[in-house]
């Protein structure tokens, strides 16, 4: 089970995700209370071993911005929502964010070039809401043969059940491991262990 801890913006958060055994950390460059600057991201990336992927989270970026970030940080993957810039997929593998509401509607288009589909719940500001996605719709996407990274309302308490229901390639967490708006190392550890525990049964 591929596990991504998103919204890392401090050294403590990055270190906690790495020590917990996460496969990837997410650095947000889109507008968000969790966003970081390219310089901040570069310093955080220096703390990440090569075994852990660094994912840049962007919304409708230009191809030039993607190229600059890949060279500056550097990024192993880019998570994209909104408009897909021309030529970006030649620069770095990408996760394509698909927003599912409470109704059972599958995304339009096959998106054949995406490394994986990142499934989340849309907010009014075009980001995640911290609420669960429609499980049946997410599972149907998996059954269509797509590689899915499940996000949206996941916590240490519910991630194992979500994995059993959807059977995704991976899971992604941000608000579910925060306390008072800051990443909580204990919650990060429990989330990763809970996700890993499903594979051990």
N, C-alpha and C. Protein backbone atom coordinates (compact mmCIF):
# COMPACT_ATOMS: atom_id res chain seq x y z
N UNK A 1 0.84 -1.18 0.00
CA UNK A 1 0.00 0.00 0.00
C UNK A 1 0.88 1.25 0.00
N UNK A 2 0.72 2.05 -1.03
CA UNK A 2 1.49 3.30 -1.18
C UNK A 2 0.84 4.36 -0.31
N UNK A 3 1.62 4.98 0.57
CA UNK A 3 1.07 5.95 1.53
C UNK A 3 1.75 7.30 1.35
N UNK A 4 0.91 8.32 1.15
CA UNK A 4 1.41 9.70 0.99
C UNK A 4 0.89 10.57 2.12
N UNK A 5 1.79 11.30 2.74
CA UNK A 5 1.43 12.29 3.75
C UNK A 5 1.57 13.65 3.11
N UNK A 6 0.46 14.35 2.97
CA UNK A 6 0.45 15.60 2.21
C UNK A 6 0.40 16.82 3.14
N UNK A 7 0.76 17.96 2.55
CA UNK A 7 0.71 19.20 3.30
C UNK A 7 1.87 19.40 4.24
N UNK A 8 2.99 18.70 4.00
CA UNK A 8 4.18 18.89 4.84
C UNK A 8 4.73 20.30 4.63
N UNK A 9 4.95 21.00 5.71
CA UNK A 9 5.48 22.36 5.57
C UNK A 9 6.51 22.72 6.66
N UNK A 10 6.83 21.74 7.50
CA UNK A 10 7.86 21.95 8.52
C UNK A 10 8.81 20.77 8.52
N UNK A 11 9.99 20.99 9.07
CA UNK A 11 10.96 19.90 9.18
C UNK A 11 10.41 18.78 10.05
N UNK A 12 9.69 19.14 11.12
CA UNK A 12 9.13 18.11 12.01
C UNK A 12 8.12 17.24 11.26
N UNK A 13 7.30 17.86 10.43
CA UNK A 13 6.31 17.11 9.67
C UNK A 13 6.96 16.16 8.68
N UNK A 14 7.95 16.64 7.97
CA UNK A 14 8.67 15.80 7.02
C UNK A 14 9.35 14.65 7.73
N UNK A 15 10.05 14.95 8.82
CA UNK A 15 10.76 13.90 9.56
C UNK A 15 9.79 12.85 10.10
N UNK A 16 8.63 13.30 10.57
CA UNK A 16 7.65 12.36 11.11
C UNK A 16 7.15 11.42 10.02
N UNK A 17 6.87 11.96 8.83
CA UNK A 17 6.38 11.13 7.72
C UNK A 17 7.43 10.12 7.29
N UNK A 18 8.67 10.56 7.20
CA UNK A 18 9.75 9.66 6.79
C UNK A 18 9.95 8.56 7.83
N UNK A 19 10.00 8.95 9.10
CA UNK A 19 10.25 7.97 10.16
C UNK A 19 9.08 6.99 10.32
N UNK A 20 7.88 7.43 9.99
CA UNK A 20 6.72 6.55 10.08
C UNK A 20 6.69 5.52 8.97
N UNK A 21 7.48 5.76 7.91
CA UNK A 21 7.52 4.81 6.80
C UNK A 21 6.66 5.18 5.62
N UNK A 22 6.28 6.46 5.50
CA UNK A 22 5.50 6.89 4.35
C UNK A 22 6.30 6.70 3.06
N UNK A 23 5.59 6.42 1.97
CA UNK A 23 6.23 6.27 0.67
C UNK A 23 6.44 7.60 -0.03
N UNK A 24 5.67 8.62 0.37
CA UNK A 24 5.74 9.91 -0.31
C UNK A 24 5.31 11.01 0.64
N UNK A 25 5.86 12.20 0.42
CA UNK A 25 5.39 13.40 1.11
C UNK A 25 4.87 14.36 0.05
N UNK A 26 3.85 15.11 0.41
CA UNK A 26 3.28 16.08 -0.52
C UNK A 26 3.61 17.50 -0.10
N UNK A 27 4.15 18.28 -1.03
CA UNK A 27 4.44 19.69 -0.82
C UNK A 27 3.48 20.49 -1.69
N UNK A 28 2.69 21.36 -1.06
CA UNK A 28 1.62 22.06 -1.75
C UNK A 28 2.10 23.43 -2.24
N UNK A 29 1.98 23.64 -3.54
CA UNK A 29 2.31 24.93 -4.14
C UNK A 29 1.06 25.69 -4.57
N UNK A 30 -0.08 25.01 -4.62
CA UNK A 30 -1.34 25.67 -4.91
C UNK A 30 -1.76 26.50 -3.69
N UNK A 31 -2.72 27.41 -3.90
CA UNK A 31 -3.19 28.24 -2.80
C UNK A 31 -3.79 27.37 -1.71
N UNK A 32 -3.25 27.50 -0.50
CA UNK A 32 -3.68 26.67 0.62
C UNK A 32 -3.01 27.18 1.89
N UNK A 33 -3.65 26.90 3.02
CA UNK A 33 -2.97 27.23 4.29
C UNK A 33 -1.76 26.34 4.52
N UNK A 34 -1.65 25.28 3.72
CA UNK A 34 -0.51 24.36 3.85
C UNK A 34 0.56 24.62 2.78
N UNK A 35 0.42 25.67 2.01
CA UNK A 35 1.34 25.88 0.88
C UNK A 35 2.73 26.28 1.35
N UNK A 36 3.72 25.95 0.51
CA UNK A 36 5.11 26.32 0.76
C UNK A 36 5.66 27.01 -0.48
N UNK A 37 6.71 27.79 -0.28
CA UNK A 37 7.40 28.42 -1.40
C UNK A 37 8.39 27.43 -1.99
N UNK A 38 8.86 27.67 -3.23
CA UNK A 38 9.88 26.79 -3.79
C UNK A 38 11.13 26.69 -2.92
N UNK A 39 11.56 27.79 -2.29
CA UNK A 39 12.74 27.74 -1.44
C UNK A 39 12.49 26.90 -0.19
N UNK A 40 11.31 27.08 0.41
CA UNK A 40 10.98 26.25 1.57
C UNK A 40 10.92 24.78 1.18
N UNK A 41 10.32 24.50 0.03
CA UNK A 41 10.21 23.12 -0.45
C UNK A 41 11.58 22.51 -0.68
N UNK A 42 12.49 23.28 -1.24
CA UNK A 42 13.84 22.76 -1.51
C UNK A 42 14.53 22.37 -0.21
N UNK A 43 14.37 23.20 0.81
CA UNK A 43 15.00 22.88 2.10
C UNK A 43 14.36 21.65 2.74
N UNK A 44 13.05 21.54 2.63
CA UNK A 44 12.38 20.36 3.17
C UNK A 44 12.80 19.11 2.41
N UNK A 45 12.93 19.23 1.09
CA UNK A 45 13.30 18.07 0.26
C UNK A 45 14.67 17.53 0.63
N UNK A 46 15.54 18.39 1.13
CA UNK A 46 16.88 17.94 1.52
C UNK A 46 16.83 16.94 2.67
N UNK A 47 15.72 16.91 3.42
CA UNK A 47 15.58 16.01 4.55
C UNK A 47 15.00 14.66 4.14
N UNK A 48 14.62 14.52 2.87
CA UNK A 48 13.89 13.34 2.42
C UNK A 48 14.85 12.35 1.75
N UNK A 49 14.92 11.12 2.20
CA UNK A 49 15.79 10.13 1.55
C UNK A 49 15.26 9.78 0.17
N UNK A 50 16.13 9.23 -0.65
CA UNK A 50 15.75 8.91 -2.02
C UNK A 50 14.67 7.84 -2.10
N UNK A 51 14.50 7.08 -1.04
CA UNK A 51 13.47 6.03 -1.03
C UNK A 51 12.06 6.58 -0.87
N UNK A 52 11.94 7.85 -0.53
CA UNK A 52 10.63 8.49 -0.32
C UNK A 52 10.40 9.50 -1.44
N UNK A 53 9.27 9.38 -2.12
CA UNK A 53 8.97 10.27 -3.25
C UNK A 53 8.52 11.64 -2.74
N UNK A 54 8.91 12.66 -3.50
CA UNK A 54 8.49 14.03 -3.21
C UNK A 54 7.47 14.43 -4.27
N UNK A 55 6.27 14.77 -3.82
CA UNK A 55 5.16 15.07 -4.72
C UNK A 55 4.81 16.56 -4.60
N UNK A 56 4.84 17.27 -5.72
CA UNK A 56 4.42 18.65 -5.74
C UNK A 56 2.96 18.76 -6.11
N UNK A 57 2.18 19.47 -5.32
CA UNK A 57 0.73 19.59 -5.53
C UNK A 57 0.43 20.95 -6.15
N UNK A 58 -0.17 20.92 -7.35
CA UNK A 58 -0.39 22.15 -8.13
C UNK A 58 -1.79 22.16 -8.71
N UNK A 59 -2.29 23.37 -8.94
CA UNK A 59 -3.56 23.51 -9.64
C UNK A 59 -3.36 24.41 -10.86
N UNK A 60 -3.68 23.86 -12.04
CA UNK A 60 -3.62 24.59 -13.32
C UNK A 60 -2.32 25.36 -13.48
N UNK A 61 -1.17 24.70 -13.29
CA UNK A 61 0.11 25.41 -13.43
C UNK A 61 0.49 25.55 -14.90
N UNK A 62 1.43 26.42 -15.16
CA UNK A 62 2.03 26.47 -16.49
C UNK A 62 3.08 25.40 -16.60
N UNK A 63 3.40 25.00 -17.82
CA UNK A 63 4.47 24.02 -18.02
C UNK A 63 5.80 24.58 -17.51
N UNK A 64 5.99 25.89 -17.63
CA UNK A 64 7.22 26.53 -17.15
C UNK A 64 7.34 26.39 -15.64
N UNK A 65 6.24 26.58 -14.91
CA UNK A 65 6.28 26.43 -13.46
C UNK A 65 6.61 24.99 -13.08
N UNK A 66 5.99 24.03 -13.75
CA UNK A 66 6.28 22.63 -13.46
C UNK A 66 7.75 22.34 -13.69
N UNK A 67 8.28 22.81 -14.80
CA UNK A 67 9.70 22.58 -15.12
C UNK A 67 10.60 23.19 -14.05
N UNK A 68 10.30 24.44 -13.63
CA UNK A 68 11.14 25.11 -12.64
C UNK A 68 11.10 24.39 -11.30
N UNK A 69 9.92 23.93 -10.91
CA UNK A 69 9.81 23.23 -9.62
C UNK A 69 10.54 21.89 -9.65
N UNK A 70 10.41 21.17 -10.76
CA UNK A 70 11.10 19.88 -10.88
C UNK A 70 12.60 20.07 -10.76
N UNK A 71 13.10 21.17 -11.29
CA UNK A 71 14.54 21.42 -11.25
C UNK A 71 14.99 21.97 -9.90
N UNK A 72 14.12 22.73 -9.22
CA UNK A 72 14.50 23.41 -7.99
C UNK A 72 14.38 22.52 -6.77
N UNK A 73 13.32 21.71 -6.69
CA UNK A 73 13.02 21.06 -5.41
C UNK A 73 13.90 19.85 -5.11
N UNK A 74 14.07 18.82 -5.93
CA UNK A 74 13.37 18.41 -7.14
C UNK A 74 12.18 17.52 -6.78
N UNK A 75 11.28 17.35 -7.76
CA UNK A 75 10.07 16.56 -7.54
C UNK A 75 10.16 15.23 -8.27
N UNK A 76 9.64 14.19 -7.64
CA UNK A 76 9.55 12.87 -8.28
C UNK A 76 8.22 12.70 -8.99
N UNK A 77 7.18 13.34 -8.46
CA UNK A 77 5.83 13.29 -9.04
C UNK A 77 5.19 14.66 -8.89
N UNK A 78 4.25 14.96 -9.76
CA UNK A 78 3.44 16.17 -9.64
C UNK A 78 1.98 15.75 -9.55
N UNK A 79 1.27 16.29 -8.58
CA UNK A 79 -0.16 16.04 -8.43
C UNK A 79 -0.91 17.24 -9.00
N UNK A 80 -1.68 17.01 -10.05
CA UNK A 80 -2.29 18.12 -10.79
C UNK A 80 -3.80 18.07 -10.71
N UNK A 81 -4.40 19.24 -10.48
CA UNK A 81 -5.84 19.42 -10.65
C UNK A 81 -6.03 20.63 -11.56
N UNK A 82 -7.25 20.77 -12.06
CA UNK A 82 -7.50 21.89 -12.97
C UNK A 82 -6.97 21.60 -14.36
N UNK A 83 -6.51 22.65 -15.03
CA UNK A 83 -6.06 22.55 -16.42
C UNK A 83 -4.68 21.90 -16.47
N UNK A 84 -4.56 20.91 -17.33
CA UNK A 84 -3.29 20.20 -17.51
C UNK A 84 -2.42 20.96 -18.52
N UNK A 85 -1.25 21.46 -18.12
CA UNK A 85 -0.42 22.22 -19.06
C UNK A 85 0.17 21.31 -20.14
N UNK A 86 0.25 21.83 -21.33
CA UNK A 86 0.85 21.07 -22.42
C UNK A 86 2.31 20.78 -22.13
N UNK A 87 2.69 19.57 -22.39
CA UNK A 87 4.10 19.20 -22.23
C UNK A 87 4.50 18.81 -20.83
N UNK A 88 3.60 19.02 -19.84
CA UNK A 88 4.00 18.74 -18.45
C UNK A 88 4.28 17.26 -18.23
N UNK A 89 3.52 16.40 -18.89
CA UNK A 89 3.70 14.97 -18.63
C UNK A 89 5.03 14.44 -19.14
N UNK A 90 5.70 15.23 -20.00
CA UNK A 90 7.03 14.82 -20.47
C UNK A 90 8.11 15.18 -19.46
N UNK A 91 7.75 16.01 -18.48
CA UNK A 91 8.73 16.49 -17.51
C UNK A 91 8.85 15.57 -16.29
N UNK A 92 7.72 15.02 -15.87
CA UNK A 92 7.70 14.26 -14.62
C UNK A 92 6.40 13.44 -14.60
N UNK A 93 6.41 12.23 -14.01
CA UNK A 93 5.15 11.49 -13.86
C UNK A 93 4.16 12.30 -13.02
N UNK A 94 2.87 12.13 -13.28
CA UNK A 94 1.91 12.94 -12.54
C UNK A 94 0.73 12.12 -12.04
N UNK A 95 0.19 12.59 -10.91
CA UNK A 95 -1.07 12.11 -10.37
C UNK A 95 -2.13 13.11 -10.82
N UNK A 96 -3.21 12.62 -11.40
CA UNK A 96 -4.28 13.50 -11.86
C UNK A 96 -5.41 13.47 -10.84
N UNK A 97 -5.70 14.62 -10.22
CA UNK A 97 -6.75 14.67 -9.22
C UNK A 97 -8.12 14.66 -9.87
N UNK A 98 -8.95 13.77 -9.37
CA UNK A 98 -10.34 13.65 -9.80
C UNK A 98 -11.21 13.87 -8.57
N UNK A 99 -12.15 14.81 -8.68
CA UNK A 99 -13.01 15.10 -7.54
C UNK A 99 -14.34 14.36 -7.67
N UNK A 100 -14.68 13.61 -6.65
CA UNK A 100 -15.96 12.91 -6.59
C UNK A 100 -16.79 13.50 -5.46
N UNK A 101 -18.01 13.88 -5.78
CA UNK A 101 -18.93 14.36 -4.76
C UNK A 101 -19.66 13.20 -4.11
N UNK A 102 -20.69 13.49 -3.32
CA UNK A 102 -21.42 12.42 -2.65
C UNK A 102 -22.23 11.56 -3.62
N UNK A 103 -22.56 12.12 -4.80
CA UNK A 103 -23.30 11.33 -5.78
C UNK A 103 -22.35 10.39 -6.50
N UNK A 104 -22.88 9.34 -7.07
CA UNK A 104 -22.04 8.33 -7.73
C UNK A 104 -21.86 8.72 -9.19
N UNK A 105 -20.84 9.54 -9.46
CA UNK A 105 -20.54 9.95 -10.83
C UNK A 105 -19.07 9.67 -11.12
N UNK A 106 -18.82 8.98 -12.18
CA UNK A 106 -17.45 8.66 -12.54
C UNK A 106 -16.87 9.80 -13.35
N UNK A 107 -15.55 10.00 -13.29
CA UNK A 107 -14.92 11.09 -14.03
C UNK A 107 -15.01 10.88 -15.53
N UNK A 108 -15.13 11.98 -16.26
CA UNK A 108 -15.14 11.90 -17.72
C UNK A 108 -13.70 11.77 -18.22
N UNK A 109 -13.51 11.00 -19.31
CA UNK A 109 -12.19 10.89 -19.90
C UNK A 109 -11.36 9.80 -19.26
N UNK A 110 -10.47 9.23 -20.04
CA UNK A 110 -9.66 8.11 -19.57
C UNK A 110 -8.38 8.55 -18.89
N UNK A 111 -7.85 9.75 -19.24
CA UNK A 111 -6.61 10.25 -18.66
C UNK A 111 -5.52 9.19 -18.73
N UNK A 112 -5.21 8.70 -19.92
CA UNK A 112 -4.35 7.53 -20.04
C UNK A 112 -2.90 7.75 -19.62
N UNK A 113 -2.47 9.02 -19.55
CA UNK A 113 -1.05 9.25 -19.28
C UNK A 113 -0.75 9.42 -17.79
N UNK A 114 -1.77 9.45 -16.96
CA UNK A 114 -1.55 9.66 -15.53
C UNK A 114 -0.91 8.43 -14.88
N UNK A 115 0.06 8.66 -14.01
CA UNK A 115 0.65 7.58 -13.21
C UNK A 115 -0.44 6.95 -12.34
N UNK A 116 -1.33 7.79 -11.82
CA UNK A 116 -2.46 7.32 -11.03
C UNK A 116 -3.51 8.41 -10.98
N UNK A 117 -4.74 8.03 -10.68
CA UNK A 117 -5.80 8.99 -10.43
C UNK A 117 -5.89 9.23 -8.93
N UNK A 118 -5.81 10.48 -8.55
CA UNK A 118 -5.88 10.88 -7.15
C UNK A 118 -7.32 11.30 -6.88
N UNK A 119 -8.05 10.50 -6.09
CA UNK A 119 -9.47 10.69 -5.89
C UNK A 119 -9.71 11.46 -4.60
N UNK A 120 -10.40 12.61 -4.70
CA UNK A 120 -10.65 13.46 -3.55
C UNK A 120 -12.07 14.01 -3.64
N UNK A 121 -12.46 14.76 -2.64
CA UNK A 121 -13.78 15.39 -2.59
C UNK A 121 -13.61 16.89 -2.82
N UNK A 122 -14.35 17.47 -3.76
CA UNK A 122 -14.17 18.87 -4.14
C UNK A 122 -14.76 19.83 -3.11
N UNK A 123 -14.05 20.95 -2.91
CA UNK A 123 -14.57 22.05 -2.12
C UNK A 123 -14.86 23.23 -3.03
N UNK A 124 -15.44 24.28 -2.46
CA UNK A 124 -15.75 25.46 -3.25
C UNK A 124 -14.49 26.13 -3.78
N UNK A 125 -13.36 25.88 -3.13
CA UNK A 125 -12.09 26.48 -3.56
C UNK A 125 -11.26 25.50 -4.37
N UNK A 126 -11.90 24.45 -4.86
CA UNK A 126 -11.25 23.50 -5.76
C UNK A 126 -10.16 22.69 -5.08
N UNK A 127 -10.26 22.51 -3.82
CA UNK A 127 -9.32 21.65 -3.13
C UNK A 127 -10.07 20.57 -2.37
N UNK A 128 -9.33 19.82 -1.56
CA UNK A 128 -9.98 18.78 -0.79
C UNK A 128 -10.78 19.38 0.36
N UNK A 129 -11.79 18.65 0.80
CA UNK A 129 -12.65 19.12 1.88
C UNK A 129 -12.35 18.45 3.21
N UNK A 130 -11.60 17.35 3.17
CA UNK A 130 -11.44 16.56 4.38
C UNK A 130 -12.63 15.67 4.64
N UNK A 131 -13.53 15.52 3.65
CA UNK A 131 -14.69 14.65 3.76
C UNK A 131 -14.50 13.43 2.87
N UNK A 132 -15.20 12.34 3.23
CA UNK A 132 -15.06 11.10 2.48
C UNK A 132 -15.63 11.23 1.07
N UNK A 133 -15.01 10.56 0.13
CA UNK A 133 -15.54 10.50 -1.23
C UNK A 133 -16.60 9.41 -1.30
N UNK A 134 -17.29 9.34 -2.44
CA UNK A 134 -18.26 8.28 -2.66
C UNK A 134 -17.49 6.97 -2.85
N UNK A 135 -17.62 6.07 -1.90
CA UNK A 135 -16.83 4.84 -1.90
C UNK A 135 -17.16 3.96 -3.10
N UNK A 136 -18.45 3.84 -3.42
CA UNK A 136 -18.83 2.97 -4.54
C UNK A 136 -18.25 3.48 -5.86
N UNK A 137 -18.27 4.80 -6.05
CA UNK A 137 -17.73 5.36 -7.29
C UNK A 137 -16.22 5.15 -7.35
N UNK A 138 -15.55 5.35 -6.22
CA UNK A 138 -14.10 5.13 -6.19
C UNK A 138 -13.76 3.68 -6.48
N UNK A 139 -14.53 2.76 -5.93
CA UNK A 139 -14.27 1.33 -6.15
C UNK A 139 -14.50 0.98 -7.63
N UNK A 140 -15.51 1.59 -8.25
CA UNK A 140 -15.76 1.32 -9.66
C UNK A 140 -14.60 1.77 -10.54
N UNK A 141 -13.96 2.87 -10.16
CA UNK A 141 -12.79 3.34 -10.91
C UNK A 141 -11.66 2.32 -10.80
N UNK A 142 -11.46 1.78 -9.60
CA UNK A 142 -10.46 0.72 -9.41
C UNK A 142 -10.81 -0.48 -10.28
N UNK A 143 -12.08 -0.85 -10.30
CA UNK A 143 -12.51 -2.02 -11.07
C UNK A 143 -12.38 -1.81 -12.57
N UNK A 144 -12.30 -0.55 -13.00
CA UNK A 144 -12.07 -0.24 -14.41
C UNK A 144 -10.60 -0.43 -14.80
N UNK A 145 -9.78 -0.79 -13.82
CA UNK A 145 -8.37 -1.05 -14.09
C UNK A 145 -7.46 0.13 -13.88
N UNK A 146 -7.98 1.19 -13.24
CA UNK A 146 -7.15 2.36 -13.01
C UNK A 146 -6.40 2.26 -11.68
N UNK A 147 -5.21 2.80 -11.66
CA UNK A 147 -4.45 2.91 -10.42
C UNK A 147 -4.99 4.12 -9.66
N UNK A 148 -5.47 3.91 -8.44
CA UNK A 148 -6.14 4.95 -7.67
C UNK A 148 -5.40 5.23 -6.38
N UNK A 149 -5.19 6.51 -6.10
CA UNK A 149 -4.72 6.96 -4.79
C UNK A 149 -5.91 7.64 -4.13
N UNK A 150 -6.38 7.07 -3.04
CA UNK A 150 -7.60 7.54 -2.39
C UNK A 150 -7.28 8.58 -1.33
N UNK A 151 -7.99 9.70 -1.39
CA UNK A 151 -7.87 10.77 -0.39
C UNK A 151 -9.27 11.14 0.07
N UNK A 152 -9.37 12.15 0.91
CA UNK A 152 -10.67 12.65 1.31
C UNK A 152 -11.15 12.07 2.62
N UNK A 153 -10.93 12.79 3.71
CA UNK A 153 -11.49 12.39 4.99
C UNK A 153 -10.85 11.18 5.64
N UNK A 154 -9.67 10.80 5.21
CA UNK A 154 -9.01 9.63 5.79
C UNK A 154 -8.32 10.00 7.10
N UNK A 155 -8.41 9.10 8.06
CA UNK A 155 -7.80 9.29 9.37
C UNK A 155 -7.17 7.97 9.81
N UNK A 156 -6.40 7.99 10.89
CA UNK A 156 -5.88 6.71 11.41
C UNK A 156 -7.00 5.74 11.78
N UNK A 157 -8.17 6.27 12.14
CA UNK A 157 -9.28 5.42 12.58
C UNK A 157 -10.02 4.77 11.42
N UNK A 158 -10.09 5.42 10.26
CA UNK A 158 -10.93 4.88 9.18
C UNK A 158 -10.17 4.43 7.94
N UNK A 159 -8.86 4.62 7.89
CA UNK A 159 -8.13 4.33 6.65
C UNK A 159 -8.16 2.84 6.31
N UNK A 160 -8.08 1.98 7.32
CA UNK A 160 -8.08 0.55 7.03
C UNK A 160 -9.40 0.13 6.40
N UNK A 161 -10.51 0.62 6.93
CA UNK A 161 -11.82 0.29 6.36
C UNK A 161 -11.95 0.84 4.95
N UNK A 162 -11.45 2.05 4.72
CA UNK A 162 -11.51 2.64 3.37
C UNK A 162 -10.72 1.81 2.37
N UNK A 163 -9.58 1.30 2.78
CA UNK A 163 -8.77 0.46 1.90
C UNK A 163 -9.51 -0.82 1.56
N UNK A 164 -10.13 -1.43 2.56
CA UNK A 164 -10.87 -2.66 2.31
C UNK A 164 -12.06 -2.43 1.38
N UNK A 165 -12.69 -1.26 1.47
CA UNK A 165 -13.86 -0.95 0.65
C UNK A 165 -13.49 -0.62 -0.80
N UNK A 166 -12.39 0.10 -0.99
CA UNK A 166 -12.04 0.62 -2.32
C UNK A 166 -10.95 -0.21 -2.99
N UNK A 167 -10.04 -0.77 -2.21
CA UNK A 167 -8.89 -1.51 -2.72
C UNK A 167 -8.03 -0.65 -3.64
N UNK A 168 -7.62 0.53 -3.16
CA UNK A 168 -6.82 1.43 -4.00
C UNK A 168 -5.36 0.99 -4.06
N UNK A 169 -4.63 1.62 -4.98
CA UNK A 169 -3.18 1.44 -5.04
C UNK A 169 -2.52 2.12 -3.85
N UNK A 170 -3.07 3.28 -3.46
CA UNK A 170 -2.48 4.03 -2.36
C UNK A 170 -3.49 4.92 -1.67
N UNK A 171 -3.06 5.54 -0.57
CA UNK A 171 -3.89 6.46 0.18
C UNK A 171 -3.10 7.72 0.47
N UNK A 172 -3.85 8.81 0.69
CA UNK A 172 -3.24 10.13 0.87
C UNK A 172 -3.95 10.83 2.02
N UNK A 173 -3.20 11.45 2.91
CA UNK A 173 -3.80 12.10 4.08
C UNK A 173 -3.18 13.48 4.29
N UNK A 174 -4.01 14.42 4.75
CA UNK A 174 -3.52 15.74 5.14
C UNK A 174 -4.17 16.12 6.47
N UNK A 175 -5.41 16.60 6.42
CA UNK A 175 -6.07 17.05 7.65
C UNK A 175 -6.26 15.94 8.67
N UNK A 176 -6.33 14.69 8.20
CA UNK A 176 -6.56 13.57 9.10
C UNK A 176 -5.43 13.26 10.06
N UNK A 177 -4.26 13.88 9.85
CA UNK A 177 -3.14 13.67 10.78
C UNK A 177 -2.68 15.01 11.38
N UNK A 178 -3.60 15.96 11.42
CA UNK A 178 -3.28 17.27 11.99
C UNK A 178 -3.97 17.45 13.34
N UNK A 179 -3.34 18.24 14.18
CA UNK A 179 -3.91 18.63 15.47
C UNK A 179 -3.71 20.12 15.61
N UNK A 180 -4.80 20.84 15.78
CA UNK A 180 -4.75 22.31 15.87
C UNK A 180 -4.05 22.92 14.66
N UNK A 181 -4.31 22.32 13.48
CA UNK A 181 -3.77 22.87 12.25
C UNK A 181 -2.34 22.51 11.95
N UNK A 182 -1.72 21.69 12.79
CA UNK A 182 -0.33 21.30 12.58
C UNK A 182 -0.25 19.78 12.47
N UNK A 183 0.69 19.30 11.66
CA UNK A 183 0.86 17.86 11.54
C UNK A 183 1.30 17.27 12.87
N UNK A 184 0.66 16.15 13.23
CA UNK A 184 0.91 15.50 14.50
C UNK A 184 1.70 14.21 14.28
N UNK A 185 2.93 14.13 14.75
CA UNK A 185 3.76 12.95 14.48
C UNK A 185 3.11 11.64 14.91
N UNK A 186 2.44 11.63 16.06
CA UNK A 186 1.80 10.39 16.52
C UNK A 186 0.70 9.97 15.57
N UNK A 187 -0.10 10.94 15.10
CA UNK A 187 -1.18 10.61 14.16
C UNK A 187 -0.63 10.12 12.83
N UNK A 188 0.47 10.71 12.37
CA UNK A 188 1.10 10.26 11.13
C UNK A 188 1.55 8.81 11.27
N UNK A 189 2.19 8.48 12.39
CA UNK A 189 2.65 7.11 12.61
C UNK A 189 1.47 6.15 12.63
N UNK A 190 0.40 6.50 13.35
CA UNK A 190 -0.75 5.61 13.45
C UNK A 190 -1.43 5.44 12.09
N UNK A 191 -1.47 6.49 11.28
CA UNK A 191 -2.07 6.39 9.95
C UNK A 191 -1.29 5.42 9.08
N UNK A 192 0.02 5.58 9.04
CA UNK A 192 0.84 4.70 8.20
C UNK A 192 0.72 3.25 8.68
N UNK A 193 0.75 3.04 9.98
CA UNK A 193 0.66 1.69 10.51
C UNK A 193 -0.71 1.06 10.21
N UNK A 194 -1.76 1.85 10.29
CA UNK A 194 -3.10 1.34 10.00
C UNK A 194 -3.23 0.95 8.54
N UNK A 195 -2.67 1.78 7.65
CA UNK A 195 -2.72 1.47 6.22
C UNK A 195 -1.91 0.22 5.91
N UNK A 196 -0.75 0.10 6.50
CA UNK A 196 0.10 -1.06 6.28
C UNK A 196 -0.54 -2.33 6.86
N UNK A 197 -1.28 -2.17 7.97
CA UNK A 197 -1.84 -3.32 8.64
C UNK A 197 -2.85 -4.09 7.80
N UNK A 198 -3.49 -3.42 6.84
CA UNK A 198 -4.46 -4.10 5.99
C UNK A 198 -3.76 -5.18 5.16
N UNK A 199 -2.54 -4.89 4.70
CA UNK A 199 -1.79 -5.84 3.87
C UNK A 199 -1.35 -7.05 4.67
N UNK A 200 -1.20 -6.89 5.97
CA UNK A 200 -0.66 -7.96 6.80
C UNK A 200 -1.71 -8.97 7.23
N UNK A 201 -2.99 -8.67 6.96
CA UNK A 201 -4.05 -9.60 7.38
C UNK A 201 -4.28 -10.67 6.34
